[in-house]
Amino acid sequence: MLFDVMLPTTLFFITLATLFTFRKYEDKFRSLLEEKTLKVMDVIVLVAAMGVAVTVMVFVPEIALLTLFLFVYSLLMFVFTYAVVSKWYVAVIPPAVFVALYAALSGVFGYGAPDVWELGLMNLYAVIFAVMITTYLGSMFTWKTTLAFAVLLTVVDIIQVLYTRHMVAAAEHIQSLKFPMLITVPTIPPLCDSQGNHVFIKLGVGDLFFAGLLATQTLRRFSWKHALTAAAGMAVSFFIFETLMFNYALTAFPGTLMIIVGWAAVTLFFELQKLRRAQG
C-alpha cells in the first residue's frame, strides 16, 4: 500500500503555528478591524468571489497575475507587520525583502536559483502567507459564519476541482510563476514515479488557510485541547484521503473536502459532549 506521512504532518504543524499566532495577535487585529464580523450574506459573497477568481485566474495573462499577487502579498505583509510592531519604517522591510528575493531567485525573470527558491523560500513564504491571512481574517468570523463558509467553500472546491477543473488549471498557472501560493514537500516514505524520480506533492495556501480557520474558530468556541484535537483530526483525515489518491491513481482531489471531514467528525463529537453536559 502506498502512503505518505509528510504532507499530513506538515499540515498539522502549520495549523499549529497558525493557532499560536492567532491567539497571540487576535486582539490586535480585532481592534484594527474595529471589531467587525462577517454576516452569512458576506460569506456567500466571499465564497462566490473566490470561485469566480479561480476561474478568472485561468485566463488572466501571467504578467497581470504576477503584478496582482505581488501587490496583495506585499500589502498583507506590510499591514500584518505594522499591526505587530506599529512602526511603518519597520513594516516596509518584510515586503521589500520578499519582492527582492522573488525577483532575484525565483527564475521567473530568467535568472536566479530556482531550486533554492522552490524547495526553500517559496515554501517558507507560502506558510507565512497562510498564517498571516488566517490571523488577519480569523477574528472577523463567528461560529455561524465559519460553518457557512466551510460548507460553501467545500462545495465550490468540489465543483472547481472535479468538474470544471478550473482549480487544477489555476494551480498550474500559479506554479508556472513560482509564486508562494503552494507548498511542495517530498513524500515520506519515498514514492517514485514511472521514471524512478522521487515524488513531490503540493498543497495550496487556500487549503492551509481553510484548515487554520477551522482550527482557530474551534479554539475560540471550545479550548486549546479541542483545537489541537481538531488539527490532528484534519491531518488524519488528510492522510486517509491522500492514501486513497495514491492507491487509486487519483491525480487531483478537493483539499477542502479532505480537511473538513476530519474537522467535522471531531467537532460533532465536541458538540454532542457539550449538549450532554447541558442536559445533565
C-alpha atoms as a PDB file:
ATOM      1  CA  MET A   1       0.000   0.000   0.000  1.00  0.00           C
ATOM      2  CA  LEU A   2       1.266   3.450  -0.941  1.00  0.00           C
ATOM      3  CA  PHE A   3       1.044   6.223   1.647  1.00  0.00           C
ATOM      4  CA  ASP A   4       2.694   9.469   2.746  1.00  0.00           C
ATOM      5  CA  VAL A   5       3.061  10.984   6.203  1.00  0.00           C
ATOM      6  CA  MET A   6       4.986  14.125   5.222  1.00  0.00           C
ATOM      7  CA  LEU A   7       2.158  16.313   3.895  1.00  0.00           C
ATOM      8  CA  PRO A   8      -0.395  15.469   6.646  1.00  0.00           C
ATOM      9  CA  THR A   9       2.298  16.133   9.269  1.00  0.00           C
ATOM     10  CA  THR A  10       3.210  19.411   7.575  1.00  0.00           C
ATOM     11  CA  LEU A  11      -0.464  20.408   7.533  1.00  0.00           C
ATOM     12  CA  PHE A  12      -0.731  19.698  11.264  1.00  0.00           C
ATOM     13  CA  PHE A  13       2.322  21.777  12.231  1.00  0.00           C
ATOM     14  CA  ILE A  14       1.347  24.704  10.002  1.00  0.00           C
ATOM     15  CA  THR A  15      -2.119  24.653  11.585  1.00  0.00           C
ATOM     16  CA  LEU A  16      -0.443  24.589  14.997  1.00  0.00           C
ATOM     17  CA  ALA A  17       1.678  27.629  14.081  1.00  0.00           C
ATOM     18  CA  THR A  18      -1.480  29.406  12.932  1.00  0.00           C
ATOM     19  CA  LEU A  19      -3.199  28.675  16.245  1.00  0.00           C
ATOM     20  CA  PHE A  20      -0.362  30.164  18.302  1.00  0.00           C
ATOM     21  CA  THR A  21      -0.065  33.224  16.048  1.00  0.00           C
ATOM     22  CA  PHE A  22      -3.814  33.804  16.046  1.00  0.00           C
ATOM     23  CA  ARG A  23      -4.114  33.544  19.816  1.00  0.00           C
ATOM     24  CA  LYS A  24      -1.207  35.940  20.331  1.00  0.00           C
ATOM     25  CA  TYR A  25      -2.379  38.653  17.900  1.00  0.00           C
ATOM     26  CA  GLU A  26      -6.156  38.149  17.757  1.00  0.00           C
ATOM     27  CA  ASP A  27      -6.937  41.170  19.927  1.00  0.00           C
ATOM     28  CA  LYS A  28      -4.710  43.457  17.854  1.00  0.00           C
ATOM     29  CA  PHE A  29      -6.406  42.519  14.621  1.00  0.00           C
ATOM     30  CA  ARG A  30      -9.877  42.724  16.122  1.00  0.00           C
ATOM     31  CA  SER A  31      -9.040  46.256  17.184  1.00  0.00           C
ATOM     32  CA  LEU A  32      -7.538  47.049  13.777  1.00  0.00           C
ATOM     33  CA  LEU A  33     -10.716  45.816  12.083  1.00  0.00           C
ATOM     34  CA  GLU A  34     -12.855  47.711  14.600  1.00  0.00           C
ATOM     35  CA  GLU A  35     -14.480  44.535  15.945  1.00  0.00           C
ATOM     36  CA  LYS A  36     -16.201  43.923  12.606  1.00  0.00           C
ATOM     37  CA  THR A  37     -17.651  40.473  11.951  1.00  0.00           C
ATOM     38  CA  LEU A  38     -18.851  38.810   8.785  1.00  0.00           C
ATOM     39  CA  LYS A  39     -22.520  38.013   8.255  1.00  0.00           C
ATOM     40  CA  VAL A  40     -23.770  34.932   6.411  1.00  0.00           C
ATOM     41  CA  MET A  41     -24.501  37.034   3.320  1.00  0.00           C
ATOM     42  CA  ASP A  42     -20.937  38.379   3.434  1.00  0.00           C
ATOM     43  CA  VAL A  43     -19.669  34.803   3.482  1.00  0.00           C
ATOM     44  CA  ILE A  44     -21.840  33.859   0.496  1.00  0.00           C
ATOM     45  CA  VAL A  45     -20.448  36.809  -1.467  1.00  0.00           C
ATOM     46  CA  LEU A  46     -16.878  35.977  -0.362  1.00  0.00           C
ATOM     47  CA  VAL A  47     -17.102  32.349  -1.466  1.00  0.00           C
ATOM     48  CA  ALA A  48     -18.722  33.353  -4.763  1.00  0.00           C
ATOM     49  CA  ALA A  49     -15.925  35.870  -5.352  1.00  0.00           C
ATOM     50  CA  MET A  50     -13.301  33.227  -4.588  1.00  0.00           C
ATOM     51  CA  GLY A  51     -14.922  30.830  -7.063  1.00  0.00           C
ATOM     52  CA  VAL A  52     -15.002  33.488  -9.775  1.00  0.00           C
ATOM     53  CA  ALA A  53     -11.404  34.489  -9.012  1.00  0.00           C
ATOM     54  CA  VAL A  54     -10.197  30.920  -9.555  1.00  0.00           C
ATOM     55  CA  THR A  55     -11.914  30.789 -12.944  1.00  0.00           C
ATOM     56  CA  VAL A  56     -10.594  34.204 -13.965  1.00  0.00           C
ATOM     57  CA  MET A  57      -7.042  33.204 -12.976  1.00  0.00           C
ATOM     58  CA  VAL A  58      -7.040  30.560 -15.696  1.00  0.00           C
ATOM     59  CA  PHE A  59      -7.432  33.206 -18.399  1.00  0.00           C
ATOM     60  CA  VAL A  60      -5.563  36.224 -16.983  1.00  0.00           C
ATOM     61  CA  PRO A  61      -2.148  36.940 -18.615  1.00  0.00           C
ATOM     62  CA  GLU A  62       0.792  35.929 -16.457  1.00  0.00           C
ATOM     63  CA  ILE A  63       2.185  39.455 -16.095  1.00  0.00           C
ATOM     64  CA  ALA A  64      -1.158  40.767 -14.790  1.00  0.00           C
ATOM     65  CA  LEU A  65      -1.496  37.860 -12.380  1.00  0.00           C
ATOM     66  CA  LEU A  66       2.064  38.327 -11.160  1.00  0.00           C
ATOM     67  CA  THR A  67       1.528  42.055 -10.585  1.00  0.00           C
ATOM     68  CA  LEU A  68      -1.671  41.396  -8.623  1.00  0.00           C
ATOM     69  CA  PHE A  69      -0.100  38.694  -6.453  1.00  0.00           C
ATOM     70  CA  LEU A  70       2.965  40.801  -5.662  1.00  0.00           C
ATOM     71  CA  PHE A  71       0.784  43.741  -4.678  1.00  0.00           C
ATOM     72  CA  VAL A  72      -1.623  41.737  -2.486  1.00  0.00           C
ATOM     73  CA  TYR A  73       1.129  39.733  -0.778  1.00  0.00           C
ATOM     74  CA  SER A  74       3.265  42.817  -0.114  1.00  0.00           C
ATOM     75  CA  LEU A  75       0.285  44.792   1.200  1.00  0.00           C
ATOM     76  CA  LEU A  76      -0.782  41.996   3.549  1.00  0.00           C
ATOM     77  CA  MET A  77       2.770  41.586   4.809  1.00  0.00           C
ATOM     78  CA  PHE A  78       3.046  45.329   5.441  1.00  0.00           C
ATOM     79  CA  VAL A  79      -0.308  45.508   7.281  1.00  0.00           C
ATOM     80  CA  PHE A  80       0.463  42.431   9.368  1.00  0.00           C
ATOM     81  CA  THR A  81       3.923  43.682  10.355  1.00  0.00           C
ATOM     82  CA  TYR A  82       2.621  47.172  11.114  1.00  0.00           C
ATOM     83  CA  ALA A  83      -0.126  45.752  13.332  1.00  0.00           C
ATOM     84  CA  VAL A  84       2.516  43.832  15.286  1.00  0.00           C
ATOM     85  CA  VAL A  85       5.276  46.468  15.617  1.00  0.00           C
ATOM     86  CA  SER A  86       3.345  49.748  14.996  1.00  0.00           C
ATOM     87  CA  LYS A  87       6.269  51.267  13.076  1.00  0.00           C
ATOM     88  CA  TRP A  88       5.789  51.870   9.344  1.00  0.00           C
ATOM     89  CA  TYR A  89       9.518  52.064   8.601  1.00  0.00           C
ATOM     90  CA  VAL A  90       9.922  48.562  10.046  1.00  0.00           C
ATOM     91  CA  ALA A  91       6.781  47.267   8.322  1.00  0.00           C
ATOM     92  CA  VAL A  92       8.109  48.107   4.849  1.00  0.00           C
ATOM     93  CA  ILE A  93      11.154  45.840   5.289  1.00  0.00           C
ATOM     94  CA  PRO A  94       9.497  42.355   5.051  1.00  0.00           C
ATOM     95  CA  PRO A  95       7.601  43.051   1.777  1.00  0.00           C
ATOM     96  CA  ALA A  96      10.673  44.715   0.275  1.00  0.00           C
ATOM     97  CA  VAL A  97      12.830  41.703   1.164  1.00  0.00           C
ATOM     98  CA  PHE A  98      10.218  39.324  -0.252  1.00  0.00           C
ATOM     99  CA  VAL A  99       9.977  41.158  -3.601  1.00  0.00           C
ATOM    100  CA  ALA A 100      13.776  41.331  -3.854  1.00  0.00           C
ATOM    101  CA  LEU A 101      14.215  37.615  -3.134  1.00  0.00           C
ATOM    102  CA  TYR A 102      11.440  36.643  -5.553  1.00  0.00           C
ATOM    103  CA  ALA A 103      12.943  38.748  -8.344  1.00  0.00           C
ATOM    104  CA  ALA A 104      16.489  37.539  -7.671  1.00  0.00           C
ATOM    105  CA  LEU A 105      15.966  33.819  -7.012  1.00  0.00           C
ATOM    106  CA  SER A 106      12.677  32.530  -8.464  1.00  0.00           C
ATOM    107  CA  GLY A 107      13.918  32.283 -12.047  1.00  0.00           C
ATOM    108  CA  VAL A 108      10.733  33.870 -13.384  1.00  0.00           C
ATOM    109  CA  PHE A 109      12.743  36.736 -14.823  1.00  0.00           C
ATOM    110  CA  GLY A 110      15.279  34.447 -16.491  1.00  0.00           C
ATOM    111  CA  TYR A 111      17.913  34.226 -13.769  1.00  0.00           C
ATOM    112  CA  GLY A 112      18.271  33.166 -10.162  1.00  0.00           C
ATOM    113  CA  ALA A 113      18.402  29.920  -8.187  1.00  0.00           C
ATOM    114  CA  PRO A 114      15.070  28.148  -8.815  1.00  0.00           C
ATOM    115  CA  ASP A 115      15.896  25.094  -6.672  1.00  0.00           C
ATOM    116  CA  VAL A 116      16.716  27.258  -3.650  1.00  0.00           C
ATOM    117  CA  TRP A 117      13.520  29.219  -4.194  1.00  0.00           C
ATOM    118  CA  GLU A 118      11.103  26.364  -4.924  1.00  0.00           C
ATOM    119  CA  LEU A 119      12.123  23.960  -2.158  1.00  0.00           C
ATOM    120  CA  GLY A 120      13.089  26.546   0.433  1.00  0.00           C
ATOM    121  CA  LEU A 121      11.941  30.127   0.299  1.00  0.00           C
ATOM    122  CA  MET A 122       8.770  29.501  -1.698  1.00  0.00           C
ATOM    123  CA  ASN A 123       7.567  27.051   0.949  1.00  0.00           C
ATOM    124  CA  LEU A 124       8.533  29.439   3.743  1.00  0.00           C
ATOM    125  CA  TYR A 125       6.681  32.376   2.210  1.00  0.00           C
ATOM    126  CA  ALA A 126       3.640  30.219   1.417  1.00  0.00           C
ATOM    127  CA  VAL A 127       3.421  29.242   5.088  1.00  0.00           C
ATOM    128  CA  ILE A 128       3.893  32.870   6.180  1.00  0.00           C
ATOM    129  CA  PHE A 129       1.123  33.967   3.815  1.00  0.00           C
ATOM    130  CA  ALA A 130      -1.260  31.280   5.086  1.00  0.00           C
ATOM    131  CA  VAL A 131      -0.610  32.166   8.742  1.00  0.00           C
ATOM    132  CA  MET A 132      -0.948  35.906   8.095  1.00  0.00           C
ATOM    133  CA  ILE A 133      -4.211  35.724   6.177  1.00  0.00           C
ATOM    134  CA  THR A 134      -5.772  33.338   8.705  1.00  0.00           C
ATOM    135  CA  THR A 135      -4.762  35.544  11.625  1.00  0.00           C
ATOM    136  CA  TYR A 136      -5.945  38.683   9.830  1.00  0.00           C
ATOM    137  CA  LEU A 137      -9.355  37.367   8.737  1.00  0.00           C
ATOM    138  CA  GLY A 138      -9.979  34.892  11.553  1.00  0.00           C
ATOM    139  CA  SER A 139     -11.210  37.496  14.020  1.00  0.00           C
ATOM    140  CA  MET A 140     -13.976  38.520  11.589  1.00  0.00           C
ATOM    141  CA  PHE A 141     -15.613  35.085  11.633  1.00  0.00           C
ATOM    142  CA  THR A 142     -18.162  33.800  14.117  1.00  0.00           C
ATOM    143  CA  TRP A 143     -19.005  30.139  14.676  1.00  0.00           C
ATOM    144  CA  LYS A 144     -22.109  30.501  12.494  1.00  0.00           C
ATOM    145  CA  THR A 145     -20.305  32.159   9.600  1.00  0.00           C
ATOM    146  CA  THR A 146     -17.435  29.652   9.905  1.00  0.00           C
ATOM    147  CA  LEU A 147     -19.875  26.781   9.381  1.00  0.00           C
ATOM    148  CA  ALA A 148     -21.459  28.538   6.406  1.00  0.00           C
ATOM    149  CA  PHE A 149     -18.072  29.362   4.897  1.00  0.00           C
ATOM    150  CA  ALA A 150     -16.752  25.819   5.381  1.00  0.00           C
ATOM    151  CA  VAL A 151     -19.740  24.167   3.686  1.00  0.00           C
ATOM    152  CA  LEU A 152     -19.974  26.645   0.802  1.00  0.00           C
ATOM    153  CA  LEU A 153     -16.247  26.687   0.074  1.00  0.00           C
ATOM    154  CA  THR A 154     -16.101  22.881   0.098  1.00  0.00           C
ATOM    155  CA  VAL A 155     -18.959  22.712  -2.422  1.00  0.00           C
ATOM    156  CA  VAL A 156     -17.277  25.280  -4.682  1.00  0.00           C
ATOM    157  CA  ASP A 157     -13.938  23.464  -4.360  1.00  0.00           C
ATOM    158  CA  ILE A 158     -15.514  20.139  -5.338  1.00  0.00           C
ATOM    159  CA  ILE A 159     -17.044  21.747  -8.436  1.00  0.00           C
ATOM    160  CA  GLN A 160     -13.848  23.577  -9.390  1.00  0.00           C
ATOM    161  CA  VAL A 161     -11.571  20.552  -8.901  1.00  0.00           C
ATOM    162  CA  LEU A 162     -13.645  17.608 -10.091  1.00  0.00           C
ATOM    163  CA  TYR A 163     -15.974  19.146 -12.688  1.00  0.00           C
ATOM    164  CA  THR A 164     -14.784  22.412 -14.228  1.00  0.00           C
ATOM    165  CA  ARG A 165     -11.121  21.588 -13.388  1.00  0.00           C
ATOM    166  CA  HIS A 166     -10.500  25.344 -13.100  1.00  0.00           C
ATOM    167  CA  MET A 167      -8.817  24.907  -9.711  1.00  0.00           C
ATOM    168  CA  VAL A 168      -6.295  22.492 -11.219  1.00  0.00           C
ATOM    169  CA  ALA A 169      -5.623  24.817 -14.167  1.00  0.00           C
ATOM    170  CA  ALA A 170      -5.262  27.832 -11.859  1.00  0.00           C
ATOM    171  CA  ALA A 171      -2.789  25.937  -9.657  1.00  0.00           C
ATOM    172  CA  GLU A 172      -0.695  25.062 -12.721  1.00  0.00           C
ATOM    173  CA  HIS A 173      -0.821  28.715 -13.826  1.00  0.00           C
ATOM    174  CA  ILE A 174       0.380  29.901 -10.419  1.00  0.00           C
ATOM    175  CA  GLN A 175       3.021  27.203 -10.284  1.00  0.00           C
ATOM    176  CA  SER A 176       4.489  28.449 -13.571  1.00  0.00           C
ATOM    177  CA  LEU A 177       5.006  31.845 -11.887  1.00  0.00           C
ATOM    178  CA  LYS A 178       6.706  30.151  -8.914  1.00  0.00           C
ATOM    179  CA  PHE A 179       4.682  32.372  -6.618  1.00  0.00           C
ATOM    180  CA  PRO A 180       4.374  31.186  -2.988  1.00  0.00           C
ATOM    181  CA  MET A 181       0.776  30.033  -3.160  1.00  0.00           C
ATOM    182  CA  LEU A 182       1.697  26.338  -2.876  1.00  0.00           C
ATOM    183  CA  ILE A 183       3.878  24.302  -0.557  1.00  0.00           C
ATOM    184  CA  THR A 184       5.893  21.446  -2.058  1.00  0.00           C
ATOM    185  CA  VAL A 185       7.196  18.557   0.055  1.00  0.00           C
ATOM    186  CA  PRO A 186       8.710  15.148  -0.727  1.00  0.00           C
ATOM    187  CA  THR A 187       6.692  12.058   0.083  1.00  0.00           C
ATOM    188  CA  ILE A 188       7.841  10.106   3.128  1.00  0.00           C
ATOM    189  CA  PRO A 189       8.314   7.177   2.837  1.00  0.00           C
ATOM    190  CA  PRO A 190       9.683   7.959  -0.644  1.00  0.00           C
ATOM    191  CA  LEU A 191       7.346   7.274  -3.554  1.00  0.00           C
ATOM    192  CA  CYS A 192       8.712   7.180  -7.096  1.00  0.00           C
ATOM    193  CA  ASP A 193       7.134   7.910 -10.451  1.00  0.00           C
ATOM    194  CA  SER A 194       7.426   5.750 -13.577  1.00  0.00           C
ATOM    195  CA  GLN A 195      10.892   7.232 -14.288  1.00  0.00           C
ATOM    196  CA  GLY A 196      12.136   6.438 -10.792  1.00  0.00           C
ATOM    197  CA  ASN A 197      12.090  10.056  -9.601  1.00  0.00           C
ATOM    198  CA  HIS A 198      11.128  10.892  -6.032  1.00  0.00           C
ATOM    199  CA  VAL A 199       7.538  12.166  -5.972  1.00  0.00           C
ATOM    200  CA  PHE A 200       6.877  15.628  -4.533  1.00  0.00           C
ATOM    201  CA  ILE A 201       3.350  16.593  -3.526  1.00  0.00           C
ATOM    202  CA  LYS A 202       1.789  20.052  -3.329  1.00  0.00           C
ATOM    203  CA  LEU A 203      -0.868  21.770  -1.240  1.00  0.00           C
ATOM    204  CA  GLY A 204      -2.320  25.212  -1.855  1.00  0.00           C
ATOM    205  CA  VAL A 205      -2.272  28.144   0.529  1.00  0.00           C
ATOM    206  CA  GLY A 206      -6.075  28.183   0.314  1.00  0.00           C
ATOM    207  CA  ASP A 207      -6.202  24.743   1.940  1.00  0.00           C
ATOM    208  CA  LEU A 208      -3.764  25.846   4.650  1.00  0.00           C
ATOM    209  CA  PHE A 209      -5.960  28.898   5.301  1.00  0.00           C
ATOM    210  CA  PHE A 210      -9.054  26.669   5.414  1.00  0.00           C
ATOM    211  CA  ALA A 211      -7.518  24.304   7.993  1.00  0.00           C
ATOM    212  CA  GLY A 212      -6.183  27.229  10.012  1.00  0.00           C
ATOM    213  CA  LEU A 213      -9.553  28.982  10.045  1.00  0.00           C
ATOM    214  CA  LEU A 214     -11.383  25.861  11.234  1.00  0.00           C
ATOM    215  CA  ALA A 215      -8.801  25.287  13.965  1.00  0.00           C
ATOM    216  CA  THR A 216      -8.800  28.890  15.213  1.00  0.00           C
ATOM    217  CA  GLN A 217     -12.582  29.030  15.364  1.00  0.00           C
ATOM    218  CA  THR A 218     -12.599  25.732  17.260  1.00  0.00           C
ATOM    219  CA  LEU A 219     -10.167  27.321  19.713  1.00  0.00           C
ATOM    220  CA  ARG A 220     -12.461  30.330  20.161  1.00  0.00           C
ATOM    221  CA  ARG A 221     -15.537  28.169  20.722  1.00  0.00           C
ATOM    222  CA  PHE A 222     -14.019  25.440  22.898  1.00  0.00           C
ATOM    223  CA  SER A 223     -10.425  25.287  24.198  1.00  0.00           C
ATOM    224  CA  TRP A 224      -6.820  24.540  23.290  1.00  0.00           C
ATOM    225  CA  LYS A 225      -7.411  20.845  23.843  1.00  0.00           C
ATOM    226  CA  HIS A 226     -10.308  20.836  21.397  1.00  0.00           C
ATOM    227  CA  ALA A 227      -8.423  22.919  18.825  1.00  0.00           C
ATOM    228  CA  LEU A 228      -5.390  20.627  18.904  1.00  0.00           C
ATOM    229  CA  THR A 229      -7.635  17.588  18.578  1.00  0.00           C
ATOM    230  CA  ALA A 230      -9.364  19.193  15.607  1.00  0.00           C
ATOM    231  CA  ALA A 231      -5.985  19.936  13.975  1.00  0.00           C
ATOM    232  CA  ALA A 232      -4.963  16.311  14.480  1.00  0.00           C
ATOM    233  CA  GLY A 233      -8.320  15.123  13.109  1.00  0.00           C
ATOM    234  CA  MET A 234      -7.846  17.181   9.947  1.00  0.00           C
ATOM    235  CA  ALA A 235      -4.335  15.760   9.469  1.00  0.00           C
ATOM    236  CA  VAL A 236      -5.549  12.185   9.935  1.00  0.00           C
ATOM    237  CA  SER A 237      -8.426  12.720   7.505  1.00  0.00           C
ATOM    238  CA  PHE A 238      -5.984  14.224   5.000  1.00  0.00           C
ATOM    239  CA  PHE A 239      -3.719  11.186   5.398  1.00  0.00           C
ATOM    240  CA  ILE A 240      -6.602   8.794   4.692  1.00  0.00           C
ATOM    241  CA  PHE A 241      -7.776  10.644   1.589  1.00  0.00           C
ATOM    242  CA  GLU A 242      -4.203  11.062   0.342  1.00  0.00           C
ATOM    243  CA  THR A 243      -3.624   7.316   0.741  1.00  0.00           C
ATOM    244  CA  LEU A 244      -6.730   6.619  -1.333  1.00  0.00           C
ATOM    245  CA  MET A 245      -5.440   9.021  -4.006  1.00  0.00           C
ATOM    246  CA  PHE A 246      -2.094   7.222  -4.234  1.00  0.00           C
ATOM    247  CA  ASN A 247      -3.582   3.741  -4.371  1.00  0.00           C
ATOM    248  CA  TYR A 248      -6.382   4.542  -6.809  1.00  0.00           C
ATOM    249  CA  ALA A 249      -4.344   6.827  -9.093  1.00  0.00           C
ATOM    250  CA  LEU A 250      -6.369   9.990  -8.447  1.00  0.00           C
ATOM    251  CA  THR A 251      -4.398  12.982  -9.740  1.00  0.00           C
ATOM    252  CA  ALA A 252      -6.468  15.724  -8.054  1.00  0.00           C
ATOM    253  CA  PHE A 253      -8.943  15.831  -5.185  1.00  0.00           C
ATOM    254  CA  PRO A 254     -10.539  18.747  -3.289  1.00  0.00           C
ATOM    255  CA  GLY A 255      -8.291  19.594  -0.354  1.00  0.00           C
ATOM    256  CA  THR A 256     -11.158  21.263   1.500  1.00  0.00           C
ATOM    257  CA  LEU A 257     -13.130  18.006   1.480  1.00  0.00           C
ATOM    258  CA  MET A 258     -10.110  16.105   2.801  1.00  0.00           C
ATOM    259  CA  ILE A 259      -9.797  18.632   5.627  1.00  0.00           C
ATOM    260  CA  ILE A 260     -13.428  19.247   6.544  1.00  0.00           C
ATOM    261  CA  VAL A 261     -14.267  15.566   7.029  1.00  0.00           C
ATOM    262  CA  GLY A 262     -11.765  15.237   9.877  1.00  0.00           C
ATOM    263  CA  TRP A 263     -12.748  18.561  11.410  1.00  0.00           C
ATOM    264  CA  ALA A 264     -16.488  17.811  11.180  1.00  0.00           C
ATOM    265  CA  ALA A 265     -16.092  14.419  12.864  1.00  0.00           C
ATOM    266  CA  VAL A 266     -14.155  15.901  15.791  1.00  0.00           C
ATOM    267  CA  THR A 267     -16.412  18.966  16.086  1.00  0.00           C
ATOM    268  CA  LEU A 268     -19.592  16.897  16.039  1.00  0.00           C
ATOM    269  CA  PHE A 269     -18.191  14.830  18.903  1.00  0.00           C
ATOM    270  CA  PHE A 270     -17.416  18.027  20.867  1.00  0.00           C
ATOM    271  CA  GLU A 271     -20.869  19.485  20.230  1.00  0.00           C
ATOM    272  CA  LEU A 272     -22.586  16.276  21.373  1.00  0.00           C
ATOM    273  CA  GLN A 273     -20.498  16.305  24.546  1.00  0.00           C
ATOM    274  CA  LYS A 274     -21.456  19.933  25.143  1.00  0.00           C
ATOM    275  CA  LEU A 275     -25.134  19.099  24.627  1.00  0.00           C
ATOM    276  CA  ARG A 276     -24.981  16.182  27.053  1.00  0.00           C
ATOM    277  CA  ARG A 277     -23.390  18.354  29.743  1.00  0.00           C
ATOM    278  CA  ALA A 278     -26.063  20.995  29.244  1.00  0.00           C
ATOM    279  CA  GLN A 279     -28.826  18.393  29.601  1.00  0.00           C
ATOM    280  CA  GLY A 280     -27.216  16.597  32.527  1.00  0.00           C
END
